[in-house]
Amino acid sequence: MAGKTPRLSHYARKGAVHMVDVSAKHQTARIARARGFIRISREALRLISRLKTPKGNPLEIARIAGITAAKRTADLIPLCHPLLLTHIEVTAELRPKGVEIRSEVRTTGPTGVEMEALTAVAVAALTIYDMCKAADRTMEIGDIHLLEKSGGVSGRFLRRAATTLRKEN
């Protein structure tokens, strides 16, 4: 893409938004991985690690919520295509200053799964917030980003490792 100016694909002439037509695109294997972090107080982390939160195990519920969210992305993001997802994995792991959330989403189709991977991470983080807010209302959700994507005409994107893990771990 050297020399080409990128353009926003969801805009038609005169600025009208539209869903991109992917009917002529080839079906290819597609993978996207995303990451996010929710900063949590020491006291709340202690409760999570001991499974003493009022609503149950927030890490497991967040994992299930993330999987469900990936499957429902087209219902949440107006111009996303509904996709047949072939694999969704979400992890939520305790770290010294919070919880690291990661997702991986796969499909074989005409368009990528970046939005599904990012949505999985965001909803998993919101679920942890909901389940732990009684113990810590100062939680901060952030650093949600795409780690990697492959497949399709644009090929592979890999985020630099130095920008992936911040000091919150």
C-alpha atoms as a PDB file:
ATOM      1  CA  MET A   1       0.000   0.000   0.000  1.00  0.00           C
ATOM      2  CA  ALA A   2       3.006   2.276  -0.293  1.00  0.00           C
ATOM      3  CA  GLY A   3       1.992   5.509  -1.950  1.00  0.00           C
ATOM      4  CA  LYS A   4      -1.744   4.907  -1.552  1.00  0.00           C
ATOM      5  CA  THR A   5      -3.791   7.097   0.726  1.00  0.00           C
ATOM      6  CA  PRO A   6      -5.990   4.922   2.934  1.00  0.00           C
ATOM      7  CA  ARG A   7      -9.685   5.551   2.749  1.00  0.00           C
ATOM      8  CA  LEU A   8     -12.527   4.727   5.073  1.00  0.00           C
ATOM      9  CA  SER A   9     -14.341   1.795   3.497  1.00  0.00           C
ATOM     10  CA  HIS A  10     -17.742   2.472   5.071  1.00  0.00           C
ATOM     11  CA  TYR A  11     -18.296   5.786   3.276  1.00  0.00           C
ATOM     12  CA  ALA A  12     -19.927   5.990  -0.134  1.00  0.00           C
ATOM     13  CA  ARG A  13     -20.019   9.038  -2.350  1.00  0.00           C
ATOM     14  CA  LYS A  14     -20.992  12.296  -0.678  1.00  0.00           C
ATOM     15  CA  GLY A  15     -20.270  10.868   2.774  1.00  0.00           C
ATOM     16  CA  ALA A  16     -23.213   8.462   3.085  1.00  0.00           C
ATOM     17  CA  VAL A  17     -22.343   5.437   5.214  1.00  0.00           C
ATOM     18  CA  HIS A  18     -22.963   1.933   3.930  1.00  0.00           C
ATOM     19  CA  MET A  19     -22.140  -1.669   4.656  1.00  0.00           C
ATOM     20  CA  VAL A  20     -19.197  -2.754   2.511  1.00  0.00           C
ATOM     21  CA  ASP A  21     -20.172  -5.272  -0.176  1.00  0.00           C
ATOM     22  CA  VAL A  22     -17.986  -8.348   0.372  1.00  0.00           C
ATOM     23  CA  SER A  23     -19.884 -10.663  -1.976  1.00  0.00           C
ATOM     24  CA  ALA A  24     -17.062 -10.699  -4.565  1.00  0.00           C
ATOM     25  CA  LYS A  25     -14.294 -11.307  -2.008  1.00  0.00           C
ATOM     26  CA  HIS A  26     -12.688 -14.719  -1.709  1.00  0.00           C
ATOM     27  CA  GLN A  27     -13.300 -16.939   1.298  1.00  0.00           C
ATOM     28  CA  THR A  28     -10.006 -17.191   3.180  1.00  0.00           C
ATOM     29  CA  ALA A  29      -8.928 -18.330   6.619  1.00  0.00           C
ATOM     30  CA  ARG A  30      -8.941 -15.329   8.941  1.00  0.00           C
ATOM     31  CA  ILE A  31      -7.658 -14.907  12.474  1.00  0.00           C
ATOM     32  CA  ALA A  32      -7.627 -11.920  14.817  1.00  0.00           C
ATOM     33  CA  ARG A  33      -6.190 -11.592  18.303  1.00  0.00           C
ATOM     34  CA  ALA A  34      -6.887  -8.728  20.696  1.00  0.00           C
ATOM     35  CA  ARG A  35      -5.912  -7.681  24.211  1.00  0.00           C
ATOM     36  CA  GLY A  36      -7.163  -5.403  26.965  1.00  0.00           C
ATOM     37  CA  PHE A  37      -6.491  -4.692  30.621  1.00  0.00           C
ATOM     38  CA  ILE A  38      -8.661  -3.770  33.580  1.00  0.00           C
ATOM     39  CA  ARG A  39      -6.824  -2.159  36.470  1.00  0.00           C
ATOM     40  CA  ILE A  40      -8.229  -3.324  39.827  1.00  0.00           C
ATOM     41  CA  SER A  41      -7.418  -2.503  43.457  1.00  0.00           C
ATOM     42  CA  ARG A  42      -5.317  -4.922  45.512  1.00  0.00           C
ATOM     43  CA  GLU A  43      -8.256  -5.686  47.786  1.00  0.00           C
ATOM     44  CA  ALA A  44     -10.576  -6.565  44.900  1.00  0.00           C
ATOM     45  CA  LEU A  45      -7.859  -8.677  43.249  1.00  0.00           C
ATOM     46  CA  ARG A  46      -7.515 -10.595  46.493  1.00  0.00           C
ATOM     47  CA  LEU A  47     -11.268 -11.298  46.489  1.00  0.00           C
ATOM     48  CA  ILE A  48     -11.135 -12.447  42.871  1.00  0.00           C
ATOM     49  CA  SER A  49      -8.189 -14.759  43.518  1.00  0.00           C
ATOM     50  CA  ARG A  50     -10.018 -16.336  46.472  1.00  0.00           C
ATOM     51  CA  LEU A  51     -13.314 -16.535  44.533  1.00  0.00           C
ATOM     52  CA  LYS A  52     -14.978 -14.401  47.213  1.00  0.00           C
ATOM     53  CA  THR A  53     -16.739 -11.871  44.960  1.00  0.00           C
ATOM     54  CA  PRO A  54     -20.489 -11.496  45.580  1.00  0.00           C
ATOM     55  CA  LYS A  55     -21.549 -12.666  42.103  1.00  0.00           C
ATOM     56  CA  GLY A  56     -19.225 -15.654  41.674  1.00  0.00           C
ATOM     57  CA  ASN A  57     -16.084 -16.202  39.586  1.00  0.00           C
ATOM     58  CA  PRO A  58     -15.674 -13.038  37.477  1.00  0.00           C
ATOM     59  CA  LEU A  59     -12.879 -14.456  35.320  1.00  0.00           C
ATOM     60  CA  GLU A  60     -14.923 -17.415  34.127  1.00  0.00           C
ATOM     61  CA  ILE A  61     -18.096 -15.380  33.609  1.00  0.00           C
ATOM     62  CA  ALA A  62     -16.048 -12.735  31.709  1.00  0.00           C
ATOM     63  CA  ARG A  63     -14.638 -15.454  29.477  1.00  0.00           C
ATOM     64  CA  ILE A  64     -18.135 -16.705  28.611  1.00  0.00           C
ATOM     65  CA  ALA A  65     -19.405 -13.127  28.115  1.00  0.00           C
ATOM     66  CA  GLY A  66     -16.513 -12.425  25.726  1.00  0.00           C
ATOM     67  CA  ILE A  67     -17.305 -15.505  23.661  1.00  0.00           C
ATOM     68  CA  THR A  68     -20.970 -14.525  23.508  1.00  0.00           C
ATOM     69  CA  ALA A  69     -20.069 -10.944  22.555  1.00  0.00           C
ATOM     70  CA  ALA A  70     -17.854 -12.077  19.678  1.00  0.00           C
ATOM     71  CA  LYS A  71     -20.807 -14.057  18.295  1.00  0.00           C
ATOM     72  CA  ARG A  72     -23.080 -10.997  18.623  1.00  0.00           C
ATOM     73  CA  THR A  73     -20.727  -8.344  17.183  1.00  0.00           C
ATOM     74  CA  ALA A  74     -22.861  -7.712  14.103  1.00  0.00           C
ATOM     75  CA  ASP A  75     -25.808  -6.949  16.424  1.00  0.00           C
ATOM     76  CA  LEU A  76     -23.739  -4.377  18.336  1.00  0.00           C
ATOM     77  CA  ILE A  77     -21.658  -2.655  15.639  1.00  0.00           C
ATOM     78  CA  PRO A  78     -24.027  -1.352  12.954  1.00  0.00           C
ATOM     79  CA  LEU A  79     -21.945  -1.933   9.792  1.00  0.00           C
ATOM     80  CA  CYS A  80     -20.269  -5.229  10.760  1.00  0.00           C
ATOM     81  CA  HIS A  81     -21.101  -8.299   8.732  1.00  0.00           C
ATOM     82  CA  PRO A  82     -22.620 -11.286  10.503  1.00  0.00           C
ATOM     83  CA  LEU A  83     -19.971 -13.985  10.255  1.00  0.00           C
ATOM     84  CA  LEU A  84     -19.834 -17.716  10.787  1.00  0.00           C
ATOM     85  CA  LEU A  85     -17.166 -17.909  13.470  1.00  0.00           C
ATOM     86  CA  THR A  86     -15.290 -21.194  13.630  1.00  0.00           C
ATOM     87  CA  HIS A  87     -13.318 -20.594  16.831  1.00  0.00           C
ATOM     88  CA  ILE A  88     -13.453 -18.143  19.744  1.00  0.00           C
ATOM     89  CA  GLU A  89     -11.112 -18.201  22.702  1.00  0.00           C
ATOM     90  CA  VAL A  90     -11.122 -15.669  25.519  1.00  0.00           C
ATOM     91  CA  THR A  91      -8.785 -15.678  28.509  1.00  0.00           C
ATOM     92  CA  ALA A  92      -8.850 -13.510  31.622  1.00  0.00           C
ATOM     93  CA  GLU A  93      -5.763 -13.793  33.806  1.00  0.00           C
ATOM     94  CA  LEU A  94      -4.894 -12.151  37.100  1.00  0.00           C
ATOM     95  CA  ARG A  95      -1.879  -9.862  37.023  1.00  0.00           C
ATOM     96  CA  PRO A  96      -0.336  -7.854  39.911  1.00  0.00           C
ATOM     97  CA  LYS A  97      -2.377  -4.727  39.061  1.00  0.00           C
ATOM     98  CA  GLY A  98      -5.476  -6.159  37.429  1.00  0.00           C
ATOM     99  CA  VAL A  99      -6.716  -8.615  34.841  1.00  0.00           C
ATOM    100  CA  GLU A 100      -5.304  -9.126  31.361  1.00  0.00           C
ATOM    101  CA  ILE A 101      -7.895 -10.192  28.802  1.00  0.00           C
ATOM    102  CA  ARG A 102      -7.033 -11.758  25.453  1.00  0.00           C
ATOM    103  CA  SER A 103      -9.138 -13.101  22.628  1.00  0.00           C
ATOM    104  CA  GLU A 104      -8.626 -15.066  19.450  1.00  0.00           C
ATOM    105  CA  VAL A 105     -11.330 -15.363  16.812  1.00  0.00           C
ATOM    106  CA  ARG A 106     -11.249 -17.401  13.584  1.00  0.00           C
ATOM    107  CA  THR A 107     -13.384 -17.797  10.519  1.00  0.00           C
ATOM    108  CA  THR A 108     -13.186 -18.762   6.891  1.00  0.00           C
ATOM    109  CA  GLY A 109     -14.969 -16.016   5.073  1.00  0.00           C
ATOM    110  CA  PRO A 110     -14.860 -12.901   2.910  1.00  0.00           C
ATOM    111  CA  THR A 111     -14.030 -10.420   5.676  1.00  0.00           C
ATOM    112  CA  GLY A 112     -11.904 -10.265   8.811  1.00  0.00           C
ATOM    113  CA  VAL A 113     -12.720 -10.882  12.454  1.00  0.00           C
ATOM    114  CA  GLU A 114     -10.910  -7.944  14.075  1.00  0.00           C
ATOM    115  CA  MET A 115     -14.114  -6.414  15.414  1.00  0.00           C
ATOM    116  CA  GLU A 116     -15.199  -9.724  16.917  1.00  0.00           C
ATOM    117  CA  ALA A 117     -11.870 -10.116  18.739  1.00  0.00           C
ATOM    118  CA  LEU A 118     -11.975  -6.532  20.035  1.00  0.00           C
ATOM    119  CA  THR A 119     -15.625  -6.828  21.082  1.00  0.00           C
ATOM    120  CA  ALA A 120     -14.862 -10.024  22.998  1.00  0.00           C
ATOM    121  CA  VAL A 121     -12.150  -8.236  25.007  1.00  0.00           C
ATOM    122  CA  ALA A 122     -14.281  -5.150  25.675  1.00  0.00           C
ATOM    123  CA  VAL A 123     -17.316  -7.092  26.892  1.00  0.00           C
ATOM    124  CA  ALA A 124     -15.180  -9.416  29.016  1.00  0.00           C
ATOM    125  CA  ALA A 125     -13.672  -6.346  30.716  1.00  0.00           C
ATOM    126  CA  LEU A 126     -17.113  -4.808  31.263  1.00  0.00           C
ATOM    127  CA  THR A 127     -18.278  -8.087  32.783  1.00  0.00           C
ATOM    128  CA  ILE A 128     -15.402  -8.083  35.262  1.00  0.00           C
ATOM    129  CA  TYR A 129     -16.290  -4.490  36.144  1.00  0.00           C
ATOM    130  CA  ASP A 130     -19.916  -5.435  36.705  1.00  0.00           C
ATOM    131  CA  MET A 131     -19.069  -8.432  38.848  1.00  0.00           C
ATOM    132  CA  CYS A 132     -16.494  -6.588  40.990  1.00  0.00           C
ATOM    133  CA  LYS A 133     -17.953  -3.085  41.290  1.00  0.00           C
ATOM    134  CA  ALA A 134     -19.216  -3.786  44.809  1.00  0.00           C
ATOM    135  CA  ALA A 135     -15.592  -4.298  45.879  1.00  0.00           C
ATOM    136  CA  ASP A 136     -13.937  -1.607  43.722  1.00  0.00           C
ATOM    137  CA  ARG A 137     -15.612   1.251  41.875  1.00  0.00           C
ATOM    138  CA  THR A 138     -12.234   2.696  40.829  1.00  0.00           C
ATOM    139  CA  MET A 139     -11.507  -0.003  38.245  1.00  0.00           C
ATOM    140  CA  GLU A 140     -10.226   1.259  34.895  1.00  0.00           C
ATOM    141  CA  ILE A 141     -10.760  -0.520  31.593  1.00  0.00           C
ATOM    142  CA  GLY A 142      -8.213   0.308  28.931  1.00  0.00           C
ATOM    143  CA  ASP A 143      -5.497  -0.545  26.472  1.00  0.00           C
ATOM    144  CA  ILE A 144      -7.867  -2.519  24.252  1.00  0.00           C
ATOM    145  CA  HIS A 145      -6.096  -3.135  20.965  1.00  0.00           C
ATOM    146  CA  LEU A 146      -5.586  -5.517  18.084  1.00  0.00           C
ATOM    147  CA  LEU A 147      -2.505  -7.702  18.542  1.00  0.00           C
ATOM    148  CA  GLU A 148      -2.593  -9.513  15.246  1.00  0.00           C
ATOM    149  CA  LYS A 149      -4.725 -10.301  12.245  1.00  0.00           C
ATOM    150  CA  SER A 150      -4.174 -12.475   9.218  1.00  0.00           C
ATOM    151  CA  GLY A 151      -6.023 -13.436   6.073  1.00  0.00           C
ATOM    152  CA  GLY A 152      -7.521 -11.569   3.189  1.00  0.00           C
ATOM    153  CA  VAL A 153      -5.990  -9.190   0.680  1.00  0.00           C
ATOM    154  CA  SER A 154      -4.404  -6.916   3.287  1.00  0.00           C
ATOM    155  CA  GLY A 155      -2.373  -9.833   4.629  1.00  0.00           C
ATOM    156  CA  ARG A 156      -0.915  -9.996   8.107  1.00  0.00           C
ATOM    157  CA  PHE A 157      -0.771  -7.291  10.755  1.00  0.00           C
ATOM    158  CA  LEU A 158       1.352  -7.861  13.850  1.00  0.00           C
ATOM    159  CA  ARG A 159       1.526  -5.250  16.591  1.00  0.00           C
ATOM    160  CA  ARG A 160       5.009  -4.618  17.911  1.00  0.00           C
ATOM    161  CA  ALA A 161       5.637  -6.523  21.142  1.00  0.00           C
ATOM    162  CA  ALA A 162       7.117  -3.462  22.894  1.00  0.00           C
ATOM    163  CA  THR A 163       3.758  -1.661  22.733  1.00  0.00           C
ATOM    164  CA  THR A 164       1.693  -4.699  23.681  1.00  0.00           C
ATOM    165  CA  LEU A 165       2.496  -5.175  27.351  1.00  0.00           C
ATOM    166  CA  ARG A 166       2.348  -2.081  29.491  1.00  0.00           C
ATOM    167  CA  LYS A 167       3.476  -1.566  33.071  1.00  0.00           C
ATOM    168  CA  GLU A 168       0.106  -2.612  34.520  1.00  0.00           C
ATOM    169  CA  ASN A 169       1.174  -6.264  34.407  1.00  0.00           C
END
